PDB file of N, CA and C in Angstrom:
ATOM      1  N   MET A   1       0.845  -1.219  -0.039  1.00  0.00           N
ATOM      2  CA  MET A   1       0.013  -0.028  -0.035  1.00  0.00           C
ATOM      3  C   MET A   1       0.949   1.243  -0.068  1.00  0.00           C
ATOM      4  N   ALA A   2       1.033   1.939  -1.070  1.00  0.00           N
ATOM      5  CA  ALA A   2       1.743   2.988  -1.091  1.00  0.00           C
ATOM      6  C   ALA A   2       1.158   4.307  -0.800  1.00  0.00           C
ATOM      7  N   LEU A   3       1.763   4.935   0.217  1.00  0.00           N
ATOM      8  CA  LEU A   3       1.111   6.318   0.560  1.00  0.00           C
ATOM      9  C   LEU A   3       1.541   7.409  -0.280  1.00  0.00           C
ATOM     10  N   SER A   4       0.637   8.211  -0.477  1.00  0.00           N
ATOM     11  CA  SER A   4       0.914   9.538  -1.177  1.00  0.00           C
ATOM     12  C   SER A   4       1.771  10.499  -0.549  1.00  0.00           C
ATOM     13  N   ALA A   5       2.376  11.353  -1.229  1.00  0.00           N
ATOM     14  CA  ALA A   5       2.997  12.481  -0.248  1.00  0.00           C
ATOM     15  C   ALA A   5       2.159  13.279   0.474  1.00  0.00           C
ATOM     16  N   ASP A   6       0.905  13.477   0.075  1.00  0.00           N
ATOM     17  CA  ASP A   6      -0.159  14.249   0.895  1.00  0.00           C
ATOM     18  C   ASP A   6      -0.582  13.381   2.175  1.00  0.00           C
ATOM     19  N   GLU A   7      -0.599  12.149   1.978  1.00  0.00           N
ATOM     20  CA  GLU A   7      -0.774  11.542   3.027  1.00  0.00           C
ATOM     21  C   GLU A   7       0.197  11.397   4.193  1.00  0.00           C
ATOM     22  N   VAL A   8       1.536  11.394   3.797  1.00  0.00           N
ATOM     23  CA  VAL A   8       2.512  11.437   4.458  1.00  0.00           C
ATOM     24  C   VAL A   8       2.603  12.683   5.217  1.00  0.00           C
ATOM     25  N   ARG A   9       2.376  13.956   4.355  1.00  0.00           N
ATOM     26  CA  ARG A   9       2.411  15.083   5.021  1.00  0.00           C
ATOM     27  C   ARG A   9       1.300  15.326   6.167  1.00  0.00           C
ATOM     28  N   TYR A  10       0.122  14.642   5.990  1.00  0.00           N
ATOM     29  CA  TYR A  10      -1.011  14.753   6.679  1.00  0.00           C
ATOM     30  C   TYR A  10      -0.638  13.931   8.150  1.00  0.00           C
ATOM     31  N   ILE A  11      -0.085  12.793   7.845  1.00  0.00           N
ATOM     32  CA  ILE A  11       0.487  12.048   9.185  1.00  0.00           C
ATOM     33  C   ILE A  11       1.565  12.941   9.813  1.00  0.00           C
ATOM     34  N   ALA A  12       2.285  13.695   9.296  1.00  0.00           N
ATOM     35  CA  ALA A  12       3.264  14.479   9.955  1.00  0.00           C
ATOM     36  C   ALA A  12       2.583  15.539  10.599  1.00  0.00           C
ATOM     37  N   LYS A  13       1.560  16.022   9.961  1.00  0.00           N
ATOM     38  CA  LYS A  13       0.876  17.143  10.713  1.00  0.00           C
ATOM     39  C   LYS A  13       0.245  16.727  11.933  1.00  0.00           C
ATOM     40  N   LEU A  14      -0.321  15.572  11.911  1.00  0.00           N
ATOM     41  CA  LEU A  14      -0.988  14.817  13.053  1.00  0.00           C
ATOM     42  C   LEU A  14      -0.066  14.746  14.216  1.00  0.00           C
ATOM     43  N   ALA A  15       1.225  14.463  13.838  1.00  0.00           N
ATOM     44  CA  ALA A  15       2.298  14.107  14.843  1.00  0.00           C
ATOM     45  C   ALA A  15       3.004  15.424  15.161  1.00  0.00           C
ATOM     46  N   ARG A  16       2.583  16.460  14.584  1.00  0.00           N
ATOM     47  CA  ARG A  16       3.242  17.824  14.707  1.00  0.00           C
ATOM     48  C   ARG A  16       4.865  17.827  14.302  1.00  0.00           C
ATOM     49  N   VAL A  17       5.181  17.143  13.317  1.00  0.00           N
ATOM     50  CA  VAL A  17       6.317  17.008  12.820  1.00  0.00           C
ATOM     51  C   VAL A  17       6.535  17.643  11.496  1.00  0.00           C
ATOM     52  N   ALA A  18       7.635  18.823  11.337  1.00  0.00           N
ATOM     53  CA  ALA A  18       7.789  19.354  10.188  1.00  0.00           C
ATOM     54  C   ALA A  18       8.776  18.414   9.249  1.00  0.00           C
ATOM     55  N   LEU A  19       8.460  18.180   8.074  1.00  0.00           N
ATOM     56  CA  LEU A  19       9.202  17.211   7.070  1.00  0.00           C
ATOM     57  C   LEU A  19       9.655  18.314   5.795  1.00  0.00           C
ATOM     58  N   THR A  20      10.908  17.851   5.435  1.00  0.00           N
ATOM     59  CA  THR A  20      11.184  18.319   4.101  1.00  0.00           C
ATOM     60  C   THR A  20      10.698  17.550   2.969  1.00  0.00           C
ATOM     61  N   ASP A  21      10.911  17.940   1.803  1.00  0.00           N
ATOM     62  CA  ASP A  21      10.466  17.076   0.545  1.00  0.00           C
ATOM     63  C   ASP A  21      11.082  15.777   0.590  1.00  0.00           C
ATOM     64  N   ASP A  22      12.370  15.888   0.963  1.00  0.00           N
ATOM     65  CA  ASP A  22      13.238  14.643   0.826  1.00  0.00           C
ATOM     66  C   ASP A  22      12.781  13.764   1.836  1.00  0.00           C
ATOM     67  N   GLU A  23      12.330  14.276   3.046  1.00  0.00           N
ATOM     68  CA  GLU A  23      12.062  13.296   4.177  1.00  0.00           C
ATOM     69  C   GLU A  23      10.669  12.816   3.865  1.00  0.00           C
ATOM     70  N   VAL A  24       9.780  13.577   3.217  1.00  0.00           N
ATOM     71  CA  VAL A  24       8.453  12.840   2.866  1.00  0.00           C
ATOM     72  C   VAL A  24       8.563  11.796   1.850  1.00  0.00           C
ATOM     73  N   ALA A  25       9.505  12.085   0.930  1.00  0.00           N
ATOM     74  CA  ALA A  25       9.800  10.864  -0.189  1.00  0.00           C
ATOM     75  C   ALA A  25      10.169   9.574   0.839  1.00  0.00           C
ATOM     76  N   ARG A  26      11.167   9.794   1.530  1.00  0.00           N
ATOM     77  CA  ARG A  26      11.942   8.670   2.292  1.00  0.00           C
ATOM     78  C   ARG A  26      10.858   8.009   3.205  1.00  0.00           C
ATOM     79  N   LEU A  27      10.216   8.861   4.068  1.00  0.00           N
ATOM     80  CA  LEU A  27       9.292   8.287   4.987  1.00  0.00           C
ATOM     81  C   LEU A  27       8.068   7.721   4.388  1.00  0.00           C
ATOM     82  N   GLY A  28       7.756   8.158   3.221  1.00  0.00           N
ATOM     83  CA  GLY A  28       6.584   7.557   2.573  1.00  0.00           C
ATOM     84  C   GLY A  28       6.770   6.158   2.181  1.00  0.00           C
ATOM     85  N   ASP A  29       8.010   5.897   1.709  1.00  0.00           N
ATOM     86  CA  ASP A  29       8.606   4.457   1.422  1.00  0.00           C
ATOM     87  C   ASP A  29       8.577   3.710   2.660  1.00  0.00           C
ATOM     88  N   GLN A  30       9.106   4.130   3.765  1.00  0.00           N
ATOM     89  CA  GLN A  30       9.159   3.461   4.960  1.00  0.00           C
ATOM     90  C   GLN A  30       7.734   3.159   5.538  1.00  0.00           C
ATOM     91  N   LEU A  31       6.997   4.100   5.479  1.00  0.00           N
ATOM     92  CA  LEU A  31       5.576   4.054   6.058  1.00  0.00           C
ATOM     93  C   LEU A  31       4.804   3.112   5.274  1.00  0.00           C
ATOM     94  N   SER A  32       4.991   3.050   4.028  1.00  0.00           N
ATOM     95  CA  SER A  32       4.379   2.046   3.005  1.00  0.00           C
ATOM     96  C   SER A  32       4.738   0.816   3.365  1.00  0.00           C
ATOM     97  N   ASN A  33       6.069   0.561   3.547  1.00  0.00           N
ATOM     98  CA  ASN A  33       6.613  -0.755   3.887  1.00  0.00           C
ATOM     99  C   ASN A  33       6.054  -1.353   5.160  1.00  0.00           C
ATOM    100  N   ILE A  34       5.827  -0.438   6.302  1.00  0.00           N
ATOM    101  CA  ILE A  34       5.322  -0.861   7.440  1.00  0.00           C
ATOM    102  C   ILE A  34       3.898  -1.315   7.246  1.00  0.00           C
ATOM    103  N   LEU A  35       3.062  -0.620   6.536  1.00  0.00           N
ATOM    104  CA  LEU A  35       1.781  -0.871   6.368  1.00  0.00           C
ATOM    105  C   LEU A  35       1.580  -2.163   5.494  1.00  0.00           C
ATOM    106  N   ASP A  36       2.459  -2.495   4.496  1.00  0.00           N
ATOM    107  CA  ASP A  36       2.625  -3.743   3.861  1.00  0.00           C
ATOM    108  C   ASP A  36       2.937  -4.798   4.832  1.00  0.00           C
ATOM    109  N   ASN A  37       3.757  -4.775   5.675  1.00  0.00           N
ATOM    110  CA  ASN A  37       3.906  -5.781   6.757  1.00  0.00           C
ATOM    111  C   ASN A  37       2.702  -6.128   7.566  1.00  0.00           C
ATOM    112  N   PHE A  38       2.056  -5.019   7.979  1.00  0.00           N
ATOM    113  CA  PHE A  38       0.736  -5.284   8.826  1.00  0.00           C
ATOM    114  C   PHE A  38      -0.251  -5.873   7.849  1.00  0.00           C
ATOM    115  N   GLN A  39      -0.240  -5.564   6.713  1.00  0.00           N
ATOM    116  CA  GLN A  39      -1.201  -6.316   5.680  1.00  0.00           C
ATOM    117  C   GLN A  39      -0.970  -7.686   5.706  1.00  0.00           C
ATOM    118  N   MET A  40       0.282  -8.159   5.499  1.00  0.00           N
ATOM    119  CA  MET A  40       0.732  -9.445   5.670  1.00  0.00           C
ATOM    120  C   MET A  40       0.180 -10.223   7.022  1.00  0.00           C
ATOM    121  N   LEU A  41       0.495  -9.568   8.017  1.00  0.00           N
ATOM    122  CA  LEU A  41      -0.030  -9.933   9.251  1.00  0.00           C
ATOM    123  C   LEU A  41      -1.535 -10.210   9.275  1.00  0.00           C
ATOM    124  N   ASN A  42      -2.333  -9.369   8.809  1.00  0.00           N
ATOM    125  CA  ASN A  42      -3.753  -9.561   8.700  1.00  0.00           C
ATOM    126  C   ASN A  42      -4.208 -10.771   8.055  1.00  0.00           C
ATOM    127  N   GLU A  43      -3.475 -10.974   7.019  1.00  0.00           N
ATOM    128  CA  GLU A  43      -3.618 -12.105   6.088  1.00  0.00           C
ATOM    129  C   GLU A  43      -3.584 -13.685   6.882  1.00  0.00           C
ATOM    130  N   ILE A  44      -2.783 -13.576   7.913  1.00  0.00           N
ATOM    131  CA  ILE A  44      -2.569 -14.736   8.596  1.00  0.00           C
ATOM    132  C   ILE A  44      -3.926 -15.190   9.287  1.00  0.00           C
ATOM    133  N   ASP A  45      -4.194 -16.535   9.179  1.00  0.00           N
ATOM    134  CA  ASP A  45      -5.361 -17.220   9.578  1.00  0.00           C
ATOM    135  C   ASP A  45      -5.121 -17.467  11.229  1.00  0.00           C
ATOM    136  N   THR A  46      -5.951 -16.718  11.874  1.00  0.00           N
ATOM    137  CA  THR A  46      -5.834 -16.895  13.523  1.00  0.00           C
ATOM    138  C   THR A  46      -7.157 -17.422  14.136  1.00  0.00           C
ATOM    139  N   GLU A  47      -7.774 -18.164  13.271  1.00  0.00           N
ATOM    140  CA  GLU A  47      -9.147 -18.816  13.660  1.00  0.00           C
ATOM    141  C   GLU A  47      -8.843 -19.725  14.680  1.00  0.00           C
ATOM    142  N   GLY A  48      -9.330 -19.864  15.846  1.00  0.00           N
ATOM    143  CA  GLY A  48      -9.187 -20.811  16.911  1.00  0.00           C
ATOM    144  C   GLY A  48      -7.985 -20.550  17.802  1.00  0.00           C
ATOM    145  N   VAL A  49      -7.169 -19.489  17.510  1.00  0.00           N
ATOM    146  CA  VAL A  49      -5.975 -19.276  18.494  1.00  0.00           C
ATOM    147  C   VAL A  49      -6.398 -18.336  19.492  1.00  0.00           C
ATOM    148  N   PRO A  50      -6.432 -18.767  20.702  1.00  0.00           N
ATOM    149  CA  PRO A  50      -6.864 -17.849  21.687  1.00  0.00           C
ATOM    150  C   PRO A  50      -6.081 -16.794  21.948  1.00  0.00           C
ATOM    151  N   PRO A  51      -6.530 -15.467  22.449  1.00  0.00           N
ATOM    152  CA  PRO A  51      -5.717 -14.360  22.563  1.00  0.00           C
ATOM    153  C   PRO A  51      -4.940 -14.610  23.771  1.00  0.00           C
ATOM    154  N   THR A  52      -3.661 -14.189  23.731  1.00  0.00           N
ATOM    155  CA  THR A  52      -2.725 -14.172  24.716  1.00  0.00           C
ATOM    156  C   THR A  52      -1.917 -13.030  25.122  1.00  0.00           C
ATOM    157  N   ALA A  53      -1.716 -12.676  26.385  1.00  0.00           N
ATOM    158  CA  ALA A  53      -0.902 -11.637  26.728  1.00  0.00           C
ATOM    159  C   ALA A  53       0.562 -11.955  26.943  1.00  0.00           C
ATOM    160  N   GLN A  54       1.097 -13.251  27.125  1.00  0.00           N
ATOM    161  CA  GLN A  54       2.301 -13.822  27.197  1.00  0.00           C
ATOM    162  C   GLN A  54       2.409 -15.000  26.299  1.00  0.00           C
ATOM    163  N   SER A  55       3.606 -15.070  25.888  1.00  0.00           N
ATOM    164  CA  SER A  55       3.829 -16.501  24.971  1.00  0.00           C
ATOM    165  C   SER A  55       4.267 -17.494  25.976  1.00  0.00           C
ATOM    166  N   PHE A  56       4.531 -17.307  27.176  1.00  0.00           N
ATOM    167  CA  PHE A  56       4.913 -18.221  28.062  1.00  0.00           C
ATOM    168  C   PHE A  56       4.389 -17.883  29.647  1.00  0.00           C
ATOM    169  N   ALA A  57       4.095 -19.011  30.362  1.00  0.00           N
ATOM    170  CA  ALA A  57       3.655 -18.698  31.606  1.00  0.00           C
ATOM    171  C   ALA A  57       4.612 -17.976  32.635  1.00  0.00           C
ATOM    172  N   LEU A  58       3.892 -17.104  33.371  1.00  0.00           N
ATOM    173  CA  LEU A  58       4.673 -16.401  34.344  1.00  0.00           C
ATOM    174  C   LEU A  58       4.389 -16.777  35.719  1.00  0.00           C
ATOM    175  N   HIS A  59       5.261 -17.024  36.695  1.00  0.00           N
ATOM    176  CA  HIS A  59       5.046 -17.298  38.054  1.00  0.00           C
ATOM    177  C   HIS A  59       5.665 -16.388  38.964  1.00  0.00           C
ATOM    178  N   ASN A  60       4.891 -15.680  39.329  1.00  0.00           N
ATOM    179  CA  ASN A  60       5.338 -14.473  40.504  1.00  0.00           C
ATOM    180  C   ASN A  60       6.723 -13.995  40.301  1.00  0.00           C
ATOM    181  N   VAL A  61       6.863 -13.130  39.216  1.00  0.00           N
ATOM    182  CA  VAL A  61       8.304 -12.690  38.860  1.00  0.00           C
ATOM    183  C   VAL A  61       8.786 -11.648  39.867  1.00  0.00           C
ATOM    184  N   ALA A  62       7.901 -11.194  40.894  1.00  0.00           N
ATOM    185  CA  ALA A  62       8.311 -10.027  41.573  1.00  0.00           C
ATOM    186  C   ALA A  62       8.884 -10.783  42.888  1.00  0.00           C
ATOM    187  N   ARG A  63       9.879 -10.083  43.564  1.00  0.00           N
ATOM    188  CA  ARG A  63      10.646 -10.938  44.671  1.00  0.00           C
ATOM    189  C   ARG A  63       9.735 -10.669  45.969  1.00  0.00           C
ATOM    190  N   ALA A  64       9.787 -11.433  46.926  1.00  0.00           N
ATOM    191  CA  ALA A  64       9.221 -11.397  48.130  1.00  0.00           C
ATOM    192  C   ALA A  64       9.636 -10.120  48.797  1.00  0.00           C
ATOM    193  N   ASP A  65       8.779  -9.330  49.583  1.00  0.00           N
ATOM    194  CA  ASP A  65       9.107  -8.432  50.584  1.00  0.00           C
ATOM    195  C   ASP A  65       9.758  -8.932  51.684  1.00  0.00           C
ATOM    196  N   ALA A  66      10.828  -8.321  52.005  1.00  0.00           N
ATOM    197  CA  ALA A  66      11.614  -8.684  53.133  1.00  0.00           C
ATOM    198  C   ALA A  66      12.217  -7.528  53.878  1.00  0.00           C
ATOM    199  N   THR A  67      12.044  -7.564  55.115  1.00  0.00           N
ATOM    200  CA  THR A  67      12.545  -6.358  56.123  1.00  0.00           C
ATOM    201  C   THR A  67      14.118  -6.502  55.927  1.00  0.00           C
ATOM    202  N   ARG A  68      14.791  -5.206  56.094  1.00  0.00           N
ATOM    203  CA  ARG A  68      16.175  -5.487  56.329  1.00  0.00           C
ATOM    204  C   ARG A  68      16.451  -3.922  57.088  1.00  0.00           C
ATOM    205  N   PRO A  69      17.718  -3.986  57.616  1.00  0.00           N
ATOM    206  CA  PRO A  69      17.946  -2.681  58.392  1.00  0.00           C
ATOM    207  C   PRO A  69      18.109  -1.509  57.386  1.00  0.00           C
ATOM    208  N   SER A  70      17.674  -0.356  57.824  1.00  0.00           N
ATOM    209  CA  SER A  70      17.921   0.895  56.974  1.00  0.00           C
ATOM    210  C   SER A  70      19.367   1.475  57.253  1.00  0.00           C
ATOM    211  N   PHE A  71      19.738   2.306  56.179  1.00  0.00           N
ATOM    212  CA  PHE A  71      21.096   2.980  56.514  1.00  0.00           C
ATOM    213  C   PHE A  71      21.030   3.920  57.615  1.00  0.00           C
ATOM    214  N   ALA A  72      22.103   4.227  58.233  1.00  0.00           N
ATOM    215  CA  ALA A  72      22.025   5.370  59.249  1.00  0.00           C
ATOM    216  C   ALA A  72      21.807   6.735  58.685  1.00  0.00           C
ATOM    217  N   PRO A  73      21.014   7.433  59.280  1.00  0.00           N
ATOM    218  CA  PRO A  73      20.922   8.806  58.754  1.00  0.00           C
ATOM    219  C   PRO A  73      22.161   9.714  58.295  1.00  0.00           C
ATOM    220  N   ASP A  74      23.288   9.422  59.214  1.00  0.00           N
ATOM    221  CA  ASP A  74      24.540  10.141  58.818  1.00  0.00           C
ATOM    222  C   ASP A  74      25.143   9.622  57.666  1.00  0.00           C
ATOM    223  N   GLU A  75      24.836   8.275  57.381  1.00  0.00           N
ATOM    224  CA  GLU A  75      25.494   7.693  56.136  1.00  0.00           C
ATOM    225  C   GLU A  75      24.799   8.039  54.883  1.00  0.00           C
ATOM    226  N   VAL A  76      23.505   8.238  55.068  1.00  0.00           N
ATOM    227  CA  VAL A  76      22.589   8.671  53.812  1.00  0.00           C
ATOM    228  C   VAL A  76      22.924  10.222  53.558  1.00  0.00           C
ATOM    229  N   LEU A  77      23.164  10.962  54.705  1.00  0.00           N
ATOM    230  CA  LEU A  77      23.109  12.437  54.434  1.00  0.00           C
ATOM    231  C   LEU A  77      24.504  12.912  54.237  1.00  0.00           C
ATOM    232  N   LYS A  78      25.538  12.043  54.148  1.00  0.00           N
ATOM    233  CA  LYS A  78      26.869  12.458  54.246  1.00  0.00           C
ATOM    234  C   LYS A  78      27.183  13.363  52.765  1.00  0.00           C
ATOM    235  N   ASN A  79      26.496  13.011  51.628  1.00  0.00           N
ATOM    236  CA  ASN A  79      26.794  13.762  50.544  1.00  0.00           C
ATOM    237  C   ASN A  79      25.790  14.726  50.234  1.00  0.00           C
ATOM    238  N   ALA A  80      24.781  15.238  51.214  1.00  0.00           N
ATOM    239  CA  ALA A  80      23.896  16.141  50.921  1.00  0.00           C
ATOM    240  C   ALA A  80      24.475  17.693  51.007  1.00  0.00           C
ATOM    241  N   PRO A  81      24.382  18.470  50.055  1.00  0.00           N
ATOM    242  CA  PRO A  81      24.915  19.720  50.106  1.00  0.00           C
ATOM    243  C   PRO A  81      24.474  20.591  51.273  1.00  0.00           C
ATOM    244  N   ARG A  82      23.456  20.403  51.765  1.00  0.00           N
ATOM    245  CA  ARG A  82      23.001  21.256  52.987  1.00  0.00           C
ATOM    246  C   ARG A  82      22.080  20.232  53.835  1.00  0.00           C
ATOM    247  N   ARG A  83      22.231  20.276  55.179  1.00  0.00           N
ATOM    248  CA  ARG A  83      21.613  19.383  55.966  1.00  0.00           C
ATOM    249  C   ARG A  83      21.078  19.995  57.233  1.00  0.00           C
ATOM    250  N   GLU A  84      19.850  19.730  57.622  1.00  0.00           N
ATOM    251  CA  GLU A  84      19.387  20.303  58.919  1.00  0.00           C
ATOM    252  C   GLU A  84      18.694  18.987  59.594  1.00  0.00           C
ATOM    253  N   ASP A  85      19.340  18.600  60.849  1.00  0.00           N
ATOM    254  CA  ASP A  85      18.962  17.592  61.637  1.00  0.00           C
ATOM    255  C   ASP A  85      19.113  16.145  60.757  1.00  0.00           C
ATOM    256  N   ASP A  86      18.014  15.602  60.647  1.00  0.00           N
ATOM    257  CA  ASP A  86      18.201  14.299  59.770  1.00  0.00           C
ATOM    258  C   ASP A  86      17.492  14.525  58.578  1.00  0.00           C
ATOM    259  N   TYR A  87      17.569  15.723  57.962  1.00  0.00           N
ATOM    260  CA  TYR A  87      16.955  15.989  56.634  1.00  0.00           C
ATOM    261  C   TYR A  87      17.839  16.719  55.751  1.00  0.00           C
ATOM    262  N   ILE A  88      17.457  16.728  54.368  1.00  0.00           N
ATOM    263  CA  ILE A  88      18.197  17.470  53.296  1.00  0.00           C
ATOM    264  C   ILE A  88      17.632  18.890  53.416  1.00  0.00           C
ATOM    265  N   ARG A  89      18.398  19.852  53.536  1.00  0.00           N
ATOM    266  CA  ARG A  89      17.899  21.315  53.630  1.00  0.00           C
ATOM    267  C   ARG A  89      17.933  21.820  52.155  1.00  0.00           C
ATOM    268  N   VAL A  90      16.693  22.258  51.585  1.00  0.00           N
ATOM    269  CA  VAL A  90      16.680  22.820  50.339  1.00  0.00           C
ATOM    270  C   VAL A  90      16.401  24.338  50.276  1.00  0.00           C
ATOM    271  N   ARG A  91      16.607  25.053  49.263  1.00  0.00           N
ATOM    272  CA  ARG A  91      16.030  26.495  49.408  1.00  0.00           C
ATOM    273  C   ARG A  91      14.557  26.322  49.016  1.00  0.00           C
ATOM    274  N   GLY A  92      14.119  27.495  49.456  1.00  0.00           N
ATOM    275  CA  GLY A  92      12.405  27.620  49.222  1.00  0.00           C
ATOM    276  C   GLY A  92      12.143  27.786  47.754  1.00  0.00           C
ATOM    277  N   VAL A  93      11.215  27.136  47.368  1.00  0.00           N
ATOM    278  CA  VAL A  93      10.623  27.311  45.935  1.00  0.00           C
ATOM    279  C   VAL A  93       9.545  28.307  45.704  1.00  0.00           C
ATOM    280  N   LEU A  94       8.674  28.275  46.692  1.00  0.00           N
ATOM    281  CA  LEU A  94       7.426  29.070  46.643  1.00  0.00           C
ATOM    282  C   LEU A  94       7.592  30.072  47.927  1.00  0.00           C
ATOM    283  N   ASP A  95       7.105  31.171  47.699  1.00  0.00           N
ATOM    284  CA  ASP A  95       7.140  32.335  48.759  1.00  0.00           C
ATOM    285  C   ASP A  95       5.932  32.177  49.610  1.00  0.00           C
TER     286      ASP A  95
END
């Protein structure tokens, strides 16, 4: 499916991208190629194939929560540019 230059410019306008005439020609070929690939995928018979989110089974990929000791405030704040008690002191942003 070959896209016309006007169609490429319209797509670029929707994406708010400015294109030169050379880019319109080059991207037109590339976008047409992408659409051709999608057309080939549409022609594949998927009747009877259940929809899947994963191609393999996932089993609890998150690690288990475990408590562990925290760092000491002095160690955490040793590189802070300004410090007040156990906090990082920053300049006020709002008056």
